[in-house]
Amino acid sequence: ENFGPVISSTTLSINTLNELLNQTDGYIMFKIVSDDLMVLDNNRVSIHPIGYPVPEHSVFTMYSTSIVNELLSQEVVTEVSVEQRAEVMSITCGNLTLEAGLGCPPFCMANSE
């Protein structure tokens, strides 16, 4: 609540989030669109829902997969909350909240291969 009221919020099961983390390398990206959560891998390819077209300039919030895994390891819960505020997207797992994401673009860390 330090960053203002929640504009939109959704939940994701821990099992689903772990599956998504296993489908990306180093970074994972989130965005809530019309109350639905979209998740991209490190190359900005949609992994939830699979195959969803992603406009090139659509901004997603990017997190390090190691930081998200660390968050998940700190609490025993069955789901996480993803919340969008005016300036910040957060991922909450139990009593812990991750708010240190970067906007992609402009701060994209996709593989250059």
Protein backbone atom coordinates (compact mmCIF):
# COMPACT_ATOMS: atom_id res chain seq x y z
CA GLU A 1 0.00 0.00 0.00
CA ASN A 2 3.05 2.25 0.03
CA PHE A 3 2.60 2.90 -3.69
CA GLY A 4 -1.07 3.87 -3.78
CA PRO A 5 -4.32 2.03 -4.29
CA VAL A 6 -4.53 -1.18 -6.31
CA ILE A 7 -5.83 -0.58 -9.84
CA SER A 8 -6.13 -4.25 -10.78
CA SER A 9 -5.27 -7.52 -9.08
CA THR A 10 -5.20 -11.21 -9.89
CA THR A 11 -3.95 -14.41 -8.29
CA LEU A 12 -1.82 -17.24 -9.61
CA SER A 13 -1.25 -20.64 -8.03
CA ILE A 14 2.25 -21.38 -6.76
CA ASN A 15 2.32 -24.52 -8.95
CA THR A 16 1.50 -22.51 -12.09
CA LEU A 17 4.08 -19.85 -11.24
CA ASN A 18 6.75 -22.51 -10.68
CA GLU A 19 5.90 -24.05 -14.08
CA LEU A 20 6.22 -20.63 -15.72
CA LEU A 21 9.54 -19.95 -13.99
CA ASN A 22 10.84 -23.23 -15.44
CA GLN A 23 9.95 -22.01 -18.96
CA THR A 24 12.19 -18.94 -18.89
CA ASP A 25 15.86 -18.20 -18.36
CA GLY A 26 16.91 -15.46 -15.96
CA TYR A 27 13.90 -13.13 -16.26
CA ILE A 28 10.12 -13.32 -16.22
CA MET A 29 7.68 -10.52 -17.13
CA PHE A 30 4.13 -9.78 -15.96
CA LYS A 31 1.27 -7.52 -17.03
CA ILE A 32 -2.41 -7.42 -16.13
CA VAL A 33 -4.61 -6.81 -19.18
CA SER A 34 -8.38 -6.53 -18.63
CA ASP A 35 -8.02 -8.35 -15.27
CA ASP A 36 -6.15 -11.25 -16.93
CA LEU A 37 -2.51 -11.95 -16.12
CA MET A 38 -0.08 -12.18 -19.02
CA VAL A 39 3.38 -13.67 -18.46
CA LEU A 40 6.34 -13.48 -20.86
CA ASP A 41 9.63 -15.36 -20.89
CA ASN A 42 13.05 -13.69 -21.13
CA ASN A 43 12.60 -13.27 -24.91
CA ARG A 44 9.19 -11.54 -24.57
CA VAL A 45 7.35 -14.65 -25.78
CA SER A 46 3.98 -15.23 -24.12
CA ILE A 47 4.05 -18.29 -21.83
CA HIS A 48 0.75 -17.51 -20.06
CA PRO A 49 -1.47 -17.61 -22.00
CA ILE A 50 0.66 -19.53 -24.47
CA GLY A 51 1.02 -17.94 -27.88
CA TYR A 52 -0.65 -14.63 -27.08
CA PRO A 53 0.60 -11.95 -29.51
CA VAL A 54 2.69 -9.34 -27.70
CA PRO A 55 2.92 -5.87 -29.23
CA GLU A 56 6.56 -4.79 -29.48
CA HIS A 57 6.11 -1.63 -27.40
CA SER A 58 3.76 -3.10 -24.77
CA VAL A 59 5.42 -2.54 -21.38
CA PHE A 60 5.66 -5.52 -19.00
CA THR A 61 7.19 -5.57 -15.52
CA MET A 62 10.33 -7.71 -15.51
CA TYR A 63 11.73 -9.58 -12.51
CA SER A 64 14.77 -11.79 -12.04
CA THR A 65 13.65 -15.43 -11.80
CA SER A 66 16.06 -15.94 -8.89
CA ILE A 67 14.39 -13.13 -6.92
CA VAL A 68 10.91 -14.56 -7.61
CA ASN A 69 12.11 -18.03 -6.57
CA GLU A 70 13.56 -16.54 -3.39
CA LEU A 71 10.21 -14.89 -2.62
CA LEU A 72 8.40 -18.20 -3.11
CA SER A 73 10.83 -20.03 -0.83
CA GLN A 74 10.14 -17.66 2.09
CA GLU A 75 6.45 -18.43 2.62
CA VAL A 76 4.24 -21.54 2.54
CA VAL A 77 1.18 -20.50 0.53
CA THR A 78 -0.85 -21.92 -2.37
CA GLU A 79 -1.07 -18.75 -4.47
CA VAL A 80 0.48 -15.37 -5.09
CA SER A 81 -1.23 -12.05 -5.76
CA VAL A 82 -0.13 -9.84 -8.64
CA GLU A 83 -1.26 -6.25 -8.19
CA GLN A 84 -0.97 -3.22 -10.46
CA ARG A 85 -0.84 0.24 -8.91
CA ALA A 86 -0.36 3.56 -10.71
CA GLU A 87 3.44 3.29 -10.81
CA VAL A 88 4.29 -0.18 -9.48
CA MET A 89 3.40 -3.82 -10.10
CA SER A 90 3.86 -6.07 -7.07
CA ILE A 91 3.92 -9.81 -6.43
CA THR A 92 2.78 -10.81 -2.94
CA CYS A 93 3.47 -14.21 -1.42
CA GLY A 94 2.00 -14.51 2.08
CA ASN A 95 3.28 -11.55 4.10
CA LEU A 96 6.10 -10.69 1.68
CA THR A 97 5.84 -8.41 -1.34
CA LEU A 98 8.19 -7.97 -4.30
CA GLU A 99 8.04 -4.52 -5.91
CA ALA A 100 11.45 -4.21 -7.54
CA GLY A 101 10.51 -4.86 -11.17
CA LEU A 102 11.72 -2.98 -14.24
CA GLY A 103 9.63 -1.88 -17.20
CA CYS A 104 10.39 -3.76 -20.41
CA PRO A 105 10.75 -1.84 -22.63
CA PRO A 106 12.95 0.11 -22.05
CA PHE A 107 14.89 -2.09 -19.60
CA CYS A 108 14.71 -5.46 -21.40
CA MET A 109 17.25 -8.17 -20.61
CA ALA A 110 16.28 -10.62 -23.38
CA ASN A 111 18.92 -12.90 -24.82
CA SER A 112 20.67 -11.34 -27.79
CA GLU A 113 21.32 -14.67 -29.47
